[in-house]
Amino acid sequence: MPVAAVRAGLFAVLGTAVAGTVHHLAFDANPSWSVRTLAALVLFGLALPGAGHDKPLIRQLMPAVAAQAVVGFWFVRADDALTVPAHGVWPSSVHAGWPVICC
């Protein structure tokens, strides 16, 4: 169990750091520390059940990409420095982060 917790923690911290970096590069703004902490805790909770099991690479990558996309979108919606039009789902500069998430 300790190895699984370390793996899940690594995934959570690195996933949050990547999403925060992409957010900063795309918008020149940062989500609050409380939003980052909550994102890391959610990612940890999602990763912990499967962290100790061997899985094919595709079963590891697909949830990781999905988690990065969700956390990145969440950072956009939670960042008070960004104004999103009422009719818009997200600003057009969100697309700038996709190459970093997908590559």
N, C-alpha and C. Protein backbone atom coordinates (compact mmCIF):
# COMPACT_ATOMS: atom_id res chain seq x y z
N MET A 1 0.81 -1.20 0.00
CA MET A 1 0.00 0.00 0.00
C MET A 1 0.85 1.28 0.00
N PRO A 2 1.99 1.32 0.70
CA PRO A 2 2.78 2.55 0.67
C PRO A 2 3.27 2.91 -0.73
N VAL A 3 3.62 1.91 -1.54
CA VAL A 3 4.08 2.17 -2.90
C VAL A 3 2.93 2.76 -3.72
N ALA A 4 1.73 2.23 -3.55
CA ALA A 4 0.56 2.75 -4.27
C ALA A 4 0.29 4.20 -3.87
N ALA A 5 0.42 4.50 -2.59
CA ALA A 5 0.18 5.87 -2.13
C ALA A 5 1.23 6.83 -2.70
N VAL A 6 2.47 6.38 -2.78
CA VAL A 6 3.52 7.22 -3.36
C VAL A 6 3.26 7.45 -4.84
N ARG A 7 2.87 6.39 -5.55
CA ARG A 7 2.56 6.54 -6.98
C ARG A 7 1.39 7.49 -7.20
N ALA A 8 0.34 7.32 -6.41
CA ALA A 8 -0.83 8.19 -6.53
C ALA A 8 -0.47 9.62 -6.16
N GLY A 9 0.35 9.80 -5.15
CA GLY A 9 0.79 11.14 -4.76
C GLY A 9 1.62 11.80 -5.84
N LEU A 10 2.49 11.03 -6.45
CA LEU A 10 3.31 11.55 -7.55
C LEU A 10 2.43 11.98 -8.72
N PHE A 11 1.47 11.14 -9.06
CA PHE A 11 0.54 11.48 -10.13
C PHE A 11 -0.23 12.76 -9.81
N ALA A 12 -0.70 12.87 -8.58
CA ALA A 12 -1.49 14.03 -8.18
C ALA A 12 -0.66 15.32 -8.21
N VAL A 13 0.52 15.28 -7.65
CA VAL A 13 1.37 16.47 -7.59
C VAL A 13 1.84 16.87 -8.99
N LEU A 14 2.32 15.90 -9.75
CA LEU A 14 2.80 16.22 -11.10
C LEU A 14 1.66 16.64 -12.02
N GLY A 15 0.52 15.99 -11.90
CA GLY A 15 -0.63 16.37 -12.72
C GLY A 15 -1.10 17.78 -12.42
N THR A 16 -1.12 18.14 -11.16
CA THR A 16 -1.51 19.50 -10.76
C THR A 16 -0.47 20.51 -11.22
N ALA A 17 0.81 20.15 -11.11
CA ALA A 17 1.87 21.06 -11.54
C ALA A 17 1.82 21.30 -13.04
N VAL A 18 1.61 20.25 -13.82
CA VAL A 18 1.52 20.41 -15.27
C VAL A 18 0.31 21.27 -15.64
N ALA A 19 -0.83 20.99 -15.04
CA ALA A 19 -2.03 21.78 -15.34
C ALA A 19 -1.82 23.24 -14.93
N GLY A 20 -1.19 23.48 -13.79
CA GLY A 20 -0.93 24.85 -13.36
C GLY A 20 0.05 25.57 -14.29
N THR A 21 1.07 24.86 -14.76
CA THR A 21 2.04 25.45 -15.68
C THR A 21 1.40 25.79 -17.01
N VAL A 22 0.61 24.88 -17.55
CA VAL A 22 -0.09 25.14 -18.82
C VAL A 22 -1.04 26.31 -18.65
N HIS A 23 -1.74 26.36 -17.53
CA HIS A 23 -2.66 27.47 -17.27
C HIS A 23 -1.90 28.79 -17.24
N HIS A 24 -0.77 28.79 -16.56
CA HIS A 24 0.02 30.02 -16.47
C HIS A 24 0.54 30.44 -17.85
N LEU A 25 1.02 29.50 -18.65
CA LEU A 25 1.53 29.81 -19.97
C LEU A 25 0.43 30.29 -20.91
N ALA A 26 -0.74 29.70 -20.82
CA ALA A 26 -1.83 30.06 -21.74
C ALA A 26 -2.49 31.38 -21.35
N PHE A 27 -2.59 31.69 -20.06
CA PHE A 27 -3.38 32.83 -19.62
C PHE A 27 -2.58 33.89 -18.86
N ASP A 28 -1.33 33.62 -18.54
CA ASP A 28 -0.52 34.52 -17.73
C ASP A 28 -1.23 34.84 -16.41
N ALA A 29 -1.83 33.82 -15.83
CA ALA A 29 -2.52 33.92 -14.55
C ALA A 29 -2.34 32.59 -13.84
N ASN A 30 -2.57 32.59 -12.55
CA ASN A 30 -2.42 31.37 -11.76
C ASN A 30 -3.68 31.09 -10.97
N PRO A 31 -4.11 29.82 -10.93
CA PRO A 31 -5.21 29.49 -10.03
C PRO A 31 -4.76 29.60 -8.58
N SER A 32 -5.69 29.80 -7.70
CA SER A 32 -5.33 29.97 -6.29
C SER A 32 -4.75 28.66 -5.72
N TRP A 33 -4.04 28.81 -4.61
CA TRP A 33 -3.45 27.62 -3.97
C TRP A 33 -4.52 26.68 -3.46
N SER A 34 -5.65 27.21 -3.03
CA SER A 34 -6.72 26.33 -2.54
C SER A 34 -7.28 25.48 -3.68
N VAL A 35 -7.41 26.06 -4.88
CA VAL A 35 -7.89 25.30 -6.04
C VAL A 35 -6.85 24.26 -6.43
N ARG A 36 -5.57 24.62 -6.40
CA ARG A 36 -4.52 23.65 -6.73
C ARG A 36 -4.50 22.50 -5.73
N THR A 37 -4.62 22.82 -4.45
CA THR A 37 -4.61 21.79 -3.42
C THR A 37 -5.80 20.85 -3.58
N LEU A 38 -6.97 21.43 -3.82
CA LEU A 38 -8.16 20.60 -4.02
C LEU A 38 -8.01 19.71 -5.26
N ALA A 39 -7.43 20.26 -6.33
CA ALA A 39 -7.19 19.46 -7.54
C ALA A 39 -6.24 18.31 -7.25
N ALA A 40 -5.18 18.56 -6.50
CA ALA A 40 -4.24 17.50 -6.16
C ALA A 40 -4.90 16.42 -5.30
N LEU A 41 -5.75 16.82 -4.37
CA LEU A 41 -6.45 15.84 -3.54
C LEU A 41 -7.42 15.00 -4.36
N VAL A 42 -8.12 15.62 -5.29
CA VAL A 42 -9.04 14.88 -6.16
C VAL A 42 -8.26 13.90 -7.04
N LEU A 43 -7.17 14.36 -7.63
CA LEU A 43 -6.35 13.47 -8.46
C LEU A 43 -5.78 12.31 -7.63
N PHE A 44 -5.37 12.60 -6.40
CA PHE A 44 -4.86 11.54 -5.53
C PHE A 44 -5.95 10.50 -5.26
N GLY A 45 -7.15 10.98 -4.96
CA GLY A 45 -8.27 10.07 -4.70
C GLY A 45 -8.63 9.22 -5.90
N LEU A 46 -8.51 9.79 -7.09
CA LEU A 46 -8.81 9.04 -8.31
C LEU A 46 -7.71 8.03 -8.63
N ALA A 47 -6.47 8.37 -8.32
CA ALA A 47 -5.34 7.51 -8.69
C ALA A 47 -5.09 6.39 -7.69
N LEU A 48 -5.43 6.59 -6.45
CA LEU A 48 -5.06 5.62 -5.41
C LEU A 48 -5.61 4.21 -5.63
N PRO A 49 -6.88 4.04 -6.01
CA PRO A 49 -7.37 2.65 -6.17
C PRO A 49 -6.61 1.83 -7.22
N GLY A 50 -6.14 2.45 -8.28
CA GLY A 50 -5.47 1.68 -9.32
C GLY A 50 -3.96 1.80 -9.33
N ALA A 51 -3.39 2.51 -8.37
CA ALA A 51 -1.95 2.80 -8.40
C ALA A 51 -1.08 1.58 -8.14
N GLY A 52 -1.57 0.59 -7.46
CA GLY A 52 -0.74 -0.55 -7.13
C GLY A 52 -0.85 -1.71 -8.09
N HIS A 53 -1.59 -1.53 -9.18
CA HIS A 53 -1.82 -2.63 -10.11
C HIS A 53 -1.10 -2.38 -11.43
N ASP A 54 -0.60 -3.46 -12.01
CA ASP A 54 0.02 -3.35 -13.34
C ASP A 54 -1.09 -3.31 -14.38
N LYS A 55 -1.02 -2.31 -15.26
CA LYS A 55 -2.01 -2.15 -16.31
C LYS A 55 -1.28 -1.87 -17.60
N PRO A 56 -1.93 -2.16 -18.73
CA PRO A 56 -1.33 -1.77 -20.01
C PRO A 56 -1.16 -0.25 -20.07
N LEU A 57 -0.19 0.18 -20.85
CA LEU A 57 0.12 1.60 -20.94
C LEU A 57 -1.08 2.43 -21.37
N ILE A 58 -1.88 1.94 -22.29
CA ILE A 58 -3.02 2.71 -22.77
C ILE A 58 -4.04 2.93 -21.65
N ARG A 59 -4.18 1.97 -20.75
CA ARG A 59 -5.11 2.13 -19.61
C ARG A 59 -4.57 3.07 -18.56
N GLN A 60 -3.31 3.43 -18.65
CA GLN A 60 -2.74 4.44 -17.75
C GLN A 60 -2.77 5.82 -18.39
N LEU A 61 -2.49 5.87 -19.70
CA LEU A 61 -2.40 7.16 -20.38
C LEU A 61 -3.75 7.83 -20.58
N MET A 62 -4.76 7.06 -20.96
CA MET A 62 -6.06 7.67 -21.25
C MET A 62 -6.66 8.36 -20.02
N PRO A 63 -6.69 7.73 -18.85
CA PRO A 63 -7.19 8.45 -17.68
C PRO A 63 -6.31 9.65 -17.30
N ALA A 64 -5.00 9.54 -17.52
CA ALA A 64 -4.11 10.66 -17.20
C ALA A 64 -4.41 11.87 -18.10
N VAL A 65 -4.61 11.63 -19.39
CA VAL A 65 -4.93 12.72 -20.32
C VAL A 65 -6.29 13.31 -19.96
N ALA A 66 -7.25 12.47 -19.65
CA ALA A 66 -8.58 12.96 -19.26
C ALA A 66 -8.49 13.79 -17.98
N ALA A 67 -7.72 13.32 -17.00
CA ALA A 67 -7.57 14.06 -15.75
C ALA A 67 -6.92 15.41 -15.99
N GLN A 68 -5.89 15.45 -16.86
CA GLN A 68 -5.23 16.72 -17.18
C GLN A 68 -6.21 17.69 -17.83
N ALA A 69 -7.03 17.19 -18.74
CA ALA A 69 -8.01 18.05 -19.41
C ALA A 69 -9.04 18.60 -18.43
N VAL A 70 -9.52 17.75 -17.54
CA VAL A 70 -10.52 18.18 -16.56
C VAL A 70 -9.93 19.20 -15.59
N VAL A 71 -8.74 18.93 -15.08
CA VAL A 71 -8.11 19.86 -14.14
C VAL A 71 -7.80 21.19 -14.84
N GLY A 72 -7.32 21.13 -16.08
CA GLY A 72 -7.06 22.35 -16.82
C GLY A 72 -8.32 23.18 -17.02
N PHE A 73 -9.42 22.52 -17.38
CA PHE A 73 -10.70 23.22 -17.53
C PHE A 73 -11.17 23.80 -16.21
N TRP A 74 -10.99 23.03 -15.14
CA TRP A 74 -11.38 23.48 -13.81
C TRP A 74 -10.58 24.73 -13.42
N PHE A 75 -9.28 24.74 -13.72
CA PHE A 75 -8.46 25.91 -13.42
C PHE A 75 -8.96 27.14 -14.16
N VAL A 76 -9.41 26.97 -15.39
CA VAL A 76 -9.94 28.11 -16.15
C VAL A 76 -11.20 28.64 -15.48
N ARG A 77 -12.08 27.74 -15.10
CA ARG A 77 -13.35 28.17 -14.50
C ARG A 77 -13.16 28.75 -13.09
N ALA A 78 -12.13 28.31 -12.36
CA ALA A 78 -11.94 28.75 -10.98
C ALA A 78 -11.04 29.97 -10.85
N ASP A 79 -10.36 30.38 -11.92
CA ASP A 79 -9.43 31.50 -11.85
C ASP A 79 -10.19 32.82 -11.96
N ASP A 80 -10.15 33.60 -10.89
CA ASP A 80 -10.87 34.88 -10.85
C ASP A 80 -10.26 35.92 -11.80
N ALA A 81 -9.01 35.74 -12.20
CA ALA A 81 -8.36 36.69 -13.09
C ALA A 81 -8.87 36.58 -14.52
N LEU A 82 -9.53 35.47 -14.85
CA LEU A 82 -10.04 35.27 -16.20
C LEU A 82 -11.52 35.59 -16.26
N THR A 83 -11.92 36.22 -17.32
CA THR A 83 -13.34 36.46 -17.53
C THR A 83 -13.78 35.64 -18.72
N VAL A 84 -14.74 34.79 -18.47
CA VAL A 84 -15.29 33.93 -19.51
C VAL A 84 -16.67 34.49 -19.85
N PRO A 85 -16.93 34.78 -21.13
CA PRO A 85 -18.25 35.27 -21.49
C PRO A 85 -19.35 34.30 -21.06
N ALA A 86 -20.50 34.84 -20.74
CA ALA A 86 -21.60 34.00 -20.26
C ALA A 86 -22.00 32.94 -21.28
N HIS A 87 -21.88 33.24 -22.56
CA HIS A 87 -22.27 32.27 -23.58
C HIS A 87 -21.12 31.34 -23.96
N GLY A 88 -19.93 31.60 -23.48
CA GLY A 88 -18.77 30.79 -23.85
C GLY A 88 -18.50 29.72 -22.82
N VAL A 89 -18.08 28.56 -23.30
CA VAL A 89 -17.71 27.48 -22.40
C VAL A 89 -16.33 27.75 -21.83
N TRP A 90 -15.41 28.23 -22.67
CA TRP A 90 -14.07 28.57 -22.23
C TRP A 90 -13.47 29.56 -23.21
N PRO A 91 -12.49 30.31 -22.77
CA PRO A 91 -11.83 31.26 -23.67
C PRO A 91 -11.07 30.53 -24.77
N SER A 92 -10.86 31.18 -25.88
CA SER A 92 -10.19 30.53 -27.01
C SER A 92 -8.75 30.15 -26.69
N SER A 93 -8.12 30.82 -25.74
CA SER A 93 -6.74 30.50 -25.41
C SER A 93 -6.59 29.19 -24.65
N VAL A 94 -7.70 28.56 -24.28
CA VAL A 94 -7.62 27.23 -23.66
C VAL A 94 -6.99 26.26 -24.65
N HIS A 95 -7.24 26.46 -25.92
CA HIS A 95 -6.70 25.56 -26.93
C HIS A 95 -5.17 25.58 -26.94
N ALA A 96 -4.55 26.61 -26.43
CA ALA A 96 -3.09 26.68 -26.38
C ALA A 96 -2.51 25.60 -25.48
N GLY A 97 -3.25 25.13 -24.51
CA GLY A 97 -2.76 24.11 -23.59
C GLY A 97 -2.84 22.69 -24.11
N TRP A 98 -3.64 22.43 -25.14
CA TRP A 98 -3.81 21.06 -25.62
C TRP A 98 -2.52 20.41 -26.09
N PRO A 99 -1.62 21.11 -26.82
CA PRO A 99 -0.39 20.42 -27.22
C PRO A 99 0.45 19.96 -26.03
N VAL A 100 0.43 20.69 -24.94
CA VAL A 100 1.20 20.30 -23.77
C VAL A 100 0.56 19.11 -23.09
N ILE A 101 -0.75 19.08 -23.00
CA ILE A 101 -1.43 17.97 -22.36
C ILE A 101 -1.30 16.70 -23.18
N CYS A 102 -1.44 16.82 -24.49
CA CYS A 102 -1.48 15.63 -25.35
C CYS A 102 -0.09 15.09 -25.72
N CYS A 103 0.94 15.87 -25.54
CA CYS A 103 2.27 15.41 -25.97
C CYS A 103 3.12 15.00 -24.82
